[in-house]
Amino acid sequence: MIRHIAGIAEIVDDIEAAVRFYRDVLGLYVEHEEGSGYGLIHVSGILHFGLWSREAAAKATFGDESAISRIPLGFSVGFEVDSVAAISRDMESKGWVIAQYPKKEPWGQQTSRFFSASGALCEISETPGVRRIAEDIRAAGES
């Protein structure tokens, strides 16, 4: 079962330029360690908004950062699920190709990655104890 959108990430060729854009042009706080291939943008209304270099996305997905030609530029969406393994098996049983089978990331999260119908790299994740929506989210003026 998909519980909620866990986050989005923009996949970029030049992460340093992307950090400068979000930080210096849009004025957002960006956590980024040079050379890490990943950045975290802090903005209200989203649990996780990341910047991901194509090389880092290729290494995470295919185990090889030279596989960047297989990683599309653009936005990636992640879905928090109850069981990454179960959802991956279900997707495969419906004929969907899994690009990266379930694995435990170094930070403890279970992930599996696939490409959407439009070709965007997407993820399902199981993140026990974190990234939980504490209450329903509504836009102002909604009842």
C-alpha atoms as a PDB file:
ATOM      1  CA  MET A   1       0.000   0.000   0.000  1.00  0.00           C
ATOM      2  CA  ILE A   2       1.302   3.449  -0.888  1.00  0.00           C
ATOM      3  CA  ARG A   3       0.958   5.687   2.175  1.00  0.00           C
ATOM      4  CA  HIS A   4       2.122   9.037   0.816  1.00  0.00           C
ATOM      5  CA  ILE A   5       4.675  10.762  -1.344  1.00  0.00           C
ATOM      6  CA  ALA A   6       7.927  10.381   0.554  1.00  0.00           C
ATOM      7  CA  GLY A   7       9.705  13.053  -1.444  1.00  0.00           C
ATOM      8  CA  ILE A   8      10.888  14.378  -4.743  1.00  0.00           C
ATOM      9  CA  ALA A   9      14.353  14.931  -6.115  1.00  0.00           C
ATOM     10  CA  GLU A  10      15.642  16.769  -9.128  1.00  0.00           C
ATOM     11  CA  ILE A  11      18.203  14.749 -11.057  1.00  0.00           C
ATOM     12  CA  VAL A  12      20.818  17.086 -12.501  1.00  0.00           C
ATOM     13  CA  ASP A  13      24.077  17.014 -14.460  1.00  0.00           C
ATOM     14  CA  ASP A  14      25.660  19.830 -12.427  1.00  0.00           C
ATOM     15  CA  ILE A  15      24.720  19.586  -8.765  1.00  0.00           C
ATOM     16  CA  GLU A  16      26.820  22.602  -7.757  1.00  0.00           C
ATOM     17  CA  ALA A  17      24.887  24.788 -10.242  1.00  0.00           C
ATOM     18  CA  ALA A  18      21.604  23.363  -8.946  1.00  0.00           C
ATOM     19  CA  VAL A  19      22.609  24.115  -5.338  1.00  0.00           C
ATOM     20  CA  ARG A  20      23.448  27.703  -6.319  1.00  0.00           C
ATOM     21  CA  PHE A  21      20.078  28.069  -8.101  1.00  0.00           C
ATOM     22  CA  TYR A  22      17.958  26.848  -5.189  1.00  0.00           C
ATOM     23  CA  ARG A  23      20.093  28.639  -2.572  1.00  0.00           C
ATOM     24  CA  ASP A  24      21.128  31.894  -4.264  1.00  0.00           C
ATOM     25  CA  VAL A  25      18.278  32.505  -6.725  1.00  0.00           C
ATOM     26  CA  LEU A  26      15.287  31.037  -4.875  1.00  0.00           C
ATOM     27  CA  GLY A  27      16.672  31.761  -1.404  1.00  0.00           C
ATOM     28  CA  LEU A  28      16.055  28.279   0.011  1.00  0.00           C
ATOM     29  CA  TYR A  29      18.246  26.593   2.601  1.00  0.00           C
ATOM     30  CA  VAL A  30      20.196  23.759   0.948  1.00  0.00           C
ATOM     31  CA  GLU A  31      22.239  21.156   2.820  1.00  0.00           C
ATOM     32  CA  HIS A  32      24.964  19.873   0.526  1.00  0.00           C
ATOM     33  CA  GLU A  33      28.431  18.488   1.022  1.00  0.00           C
ATOM     34  CA  GLU A  34      30.582  19.154  -2.021  1.00  0.00           C
ATOM     35  CA  GLY A  35      31.343  15.934  -3.886  1.00  0.00           C
ATOM     36  CA  SER A  36      28.519  13.995  -2.234  1.00  0.00           C
ATOM     37  CA  GLY A  37      26.232  13.923  -5.280  1.00  0.00           C
ATOM     38  CA  TYR A  38      23.220  14.788  -3.137  1.00  0.00           C
ATOM     39  CA  GLY A  39      21.662  17.831  -1.554  1.00  0.00           C
ATOM     40  CA  LEU A  40      18.637  18.422   0.619  1.00  0.00           C
ATOM     41  CA  ILE A  41      16.465  21.487   0.026  1.00  0.00           C
ATOM     42  CA  HIS A  42      14.404  22.713   2.953  1.00  0.00           C
ATOM     43  CA  VAL A  43      10.985  24.009   1.927  1.00  0.00           C
ATOM     44  CA  SER A  44       7.658  23.882   3.744  1.00  0.00           C
ATOM     45  CA  GLY A  45       5.016  21.472   2.531  1.00  0.00           C
ATOM     46  CA  ILE A  46       7.225  18.572   1.502  1.00  0.00           C
ATOM     47  CA  LEU A  47       8.789  15.848   3.586  1.00  0.00           C
ATOM     48  CA  HIS A  48      11.936  15.518   1.468  1.00  0.00           C
ATOM     49  CA  PHE A  49      13.130  17.568  -1.527  1.00  0.00           C
ATOM     50  CA  GLY A  50      16.482  16.445  -2.828  1.00  0.00           C
ATOM     51  CA  LEU A  51      18.991  17.269  -5.515  1.00  0.00           C
ATOM     52  CA  TRP A  52      20.650  14.212  -7.014  1.00  0.00           C
ATOM     53  CA  SER A  53      23.537  14.101  -9.474  1.00  0.00           C
ATOM     54  CA  ARG A  54      23.075  11.687 -12.366  1.00  0.00           C
ATOM     55  CA  GLU A  55      26.249   9.870 -11.314  1.00  0.00           C
ATOM     56  CA  ALA A  56      24.972   9.342  -7.755  1.00  0.00           C
ATOM     57  CA  ALA A  57      21.555   8.217  -9.060  1.00  0.00           C
ATOM     58  CA  ALA A  58      23.240   5.756 -11.448  1.00  0.00           C
ATOM     59  CA  LYS A  59      25.395   4.331  -8.665  1.00  0.00           C
ATOM     60  CA  ALA A  60      22.404   3.997  -6.293  1.00  0.00           C
ATOM     61  CA  THR A  61      20.179   2.427  -8.941  1.00  0.00           C
ATOM     62  CA  PHE A  62      22.536   0.326 -11.055  1.00  0.00           C
ATOM     63  CA  GLY A  63      25.593   0.054  -8.819  1.00  0.00           C
ATOM     64  CA  ASP A  64      27.689   1.888 -11.405  1.00  0.00           C
ATOM     65  CA  GLU A  65      28.032   5.649 -11.718  1.00  0.00           C
ATOM     66  CA  SER A  66      29.125   5.274 -15.351  1.00  0.00           C
ATOM     67  CA  ALA A  67      25.514   4.205 -16.160  1.00  0.00           C
ATOM     68  CA  ILE A  68      24.448   7.876 -16.269  1.00  0.00           C
ATOM     69  CA  SER A  69      23.001   7.481 -19.766  1.00  0.00           C
ATOM     70  CA  ARG A  70      20.310   5.283 -18.180  1.00  0.00           C
ATOM     71  CA  ILE A  71      19.290   8.044 -15.732  1.00  0.00           C
ATOM     72  CA  PRO A  72      17.013  10.753 -17.112  1.00  0.00           C
ATOM     73  CA  LEU A  73      17.340  14.376 -16.089  1.00  0.00           C
ATOM     74  CA  GLY A  74      14.284  15.834 -14.410  1.00  0.00           C
ATOM     75  CA  PHE A  75      12.255  15.091 -11.334  1.00  0.00           C
ATOM     76  CA  SER A  76      11.974  11.827  -9.474  1.00  0.00           C
ATOM     77  CA  VAL A  77       9.168  10.963  -7.081  1.00  0.00           C
ATOM     78  CA  GLY A  78       9.368   8.602  -4.148  1.00  0.00           C
ATOM     79  CA  PHE A  79       6.446   6.802  -2.532  1.00  0.00           C
ATOM     80  CA  GLU A  80       6.478   5.585   1.077  1.00  0.00           C
ATOM     81  CA  VAL A  81       5.018   2.076   1.247  1.00  0.00           C
ATOM     82  CA  ASP A  82       4.316  -0.556   3.871  1.00  0.00           C
ATOM     83  CA  SER A  83       6.529  -3.166   2.191  1.00  0.00           C
ATOM     84  CA  VAL A  84       9.026  -2.444  -0.583  1.00  0.00           C
ATOM     85  CA  ALA A  85       9.407  -6.161  -1.323  1.00  0.00           C
ATOM     86  CA  ALA A  86       5.651  -6.758  -1.623  1.00  0.00           C
ATOM     87  CA  ILE A  87       5.026  -3.710  -3.830  1.00  0.00           C
ATOM     88  CA  SER A  88       8.000  -4.585  -6.067  1.00  0.00           C
ATOM     89  CA  ARG A  89       6.705  -8.158  -6.506  1.00  0.00           C
ATOM     90  CA  ASP A  90       3.211  -6.826  -7.244  1.00  0.00           C
ATOM     91  CA  MET A  91       4.522  -4.368  -9.842  1.00  0.00           C
ATOM     92  CA  GLU A  92       6.542  -7.104 -11.526  1.00  0.00           C
ATOM     93  CA  SER A  93       3.562  -9.478 -11.538  1.00  0.00           C
ATOM     94  CA  LYS A  94       1.707  -6.783 -13.478  1.00  0.00           C
ATOM     95  CA  GLY A  95       4.468  -6.664 -16.089  1.00  0.00           C
ATOM     96  CA  TRP A  96       6.351  -3.592 -14.808  1.00  0.00           C
ATOM     97  CA  VAL A  97      10.153  -3.691 -15.007  1.00  0.00           C
ATOM     98  CA  ILE A  98      12.008  -3.047 -11.757  1.00  0.00           C
ATOM     99  CA  ALA A  99      15.275  -1.171 -12.360  1.00  0.00           C
ATOM    100  CA  GLN A 100      16.659  -1.723  -8.864  1.00  0.00           C
ATOM    101  CA  TYR A 101      15.367  -4.552  -6.739  1.00  0.00           C
ATOM    102  CA  PRO A 102      14.735  -3.981  -3.033  1.00  0.00           C
ATOM    103  CA  LYS A 103      17.863  -3.194  -1.098  1.00  0.00           C
ATOM    104  CA  LYS A 104      18.796  -1.658   2.219  1.00  0.00           C
ATOM    105  CA  GLU A 105      20.518   1.701   1.798  1.00  0.00           C
ATOM    106  CA  PRO A 106      23.490   2.639   4.013  1.00  0.00           C
ATOM    107  CA  TRP A 107      21.193   4.976   6.006  1.00  0.00           C
ATOM    108  CA  GLY A 108      18.760   2.113   6.799  1.00  0.00           C
ATOM    109  CA  GLN A 109      15.970   2.800   4.320  1.00  0.00           C
ATOM    110  CA  GLN A 110      14.660  -0.013   2.074  1.00  0.00           C
ATOM    111  CA  THR A 111      14.297   1.131  -1.542  1.00  0.00           C
ATOM    112  CA  SER A 112      13.386  -0.181  -4.954  1.00  0.00           C
ATOM    113  CA  ARG A 113      13.509   1.908  -8.126  1.00  0.00           C
ATOM    114  CA  PHE A 114      11.654   1.808 -11.414  1.00  0.00           C
ATOM    115  CA  PHE A 115      10.897   4.070 -14.355  1.00  0.00           C
ATOM    116  CA  SER A 116       7.441   5.620 -14.686  1.00  0.00           C
ATOM    117  CA  ALA A 117       5.418   5.394 -17.891  1.00  0.00           C
ATOM    118  CA  SER A 118       6.984   8.699 -19.013  1.00  0.00           C
ATOM    119  CA  GLY A 119      10.520   7.469 -18.214  1.00  0.00           C
ATOM    120  CA  ALA A 120      11.094   9.263 -14.897  1.00  0.00           C
ATOM    121  CA  LEU A 121      13.191   7.425 -12.318  1.00  0.00           C
ATOM    122  CA  CYS A 122      10.894   6.697  -9.352  1.00  0.00           C
ATOM    123  CA  GLU A 123      11.282   4.994  -6.013  1.00  0.00           C
ATOM    124  CA  ILE A 124       9.302   3.145  -3.441  1.00  0.00           C
ATOM    125  CA  SER A 125      10.713   3.244   0.056  1.00  0.00           C
ATOM    126  CA  GLU A 126      10.159   1.836   3.489  1.00  0.00           C
ATOM    127  CA  THR A 127      11.488   4.204   6.114  1.00  0.00           C
ATOM    128  CA  PRO A 128      10.570   2.937   9.577  1.00  0.00           C
ATOM    129  CA  GLY A 129      10.278   5.656  12.181  1.00  0.00           C
ATOM    130  CA  VAL A 130      10.812   8.648   9.901  1.00  0.00           C
ATOM    131  CA  ARG A 131       9.118  10.548   7.105  1.00  0.00           C
ATOM    132  CA  ARG A 132       5.668   9.999   8.504  1.00  0.00           C
ATOM    133  CA  ILE A 133       2.880  12.463   7.878  1.00  0.00           C
ATOM    134  CA  ALA A 134       1.701  13.462  11.346  1.00  0.00           C
ATOM    135  CA  GLU A 135      -1.615  14.947  10.253  1.00  0.00           C
ATOM    136  CA  ASP A 136      -3.712  15.446   7.139  1.00  0.00           C
ATOM    137  CA  ILE A 137      -2.390  18.184   4.885  1.00  0.00           C
ATOM    138  CA  ARG A 138      -4.872  20.679   3.461  1.00  0.00           C
ATOM    139  CA  ALA A 139      -4.384  23.910   1.580  1.00  0.00           C
ATOM    140  CA  ALA A 140      -5.689  27.071   3.235  1.00  0.00           C
ATOM    141  CA  GLY A 141      -9.351  27.627   2.452  1.00  0.00           C
ATOM    142  CA  GLU A 142     -10.157  23.940   2.122  1.00  0.00           C
ATOM    143  CA  SER A 143     -12.653  22.401   4.476  1.00  0.00           C
END
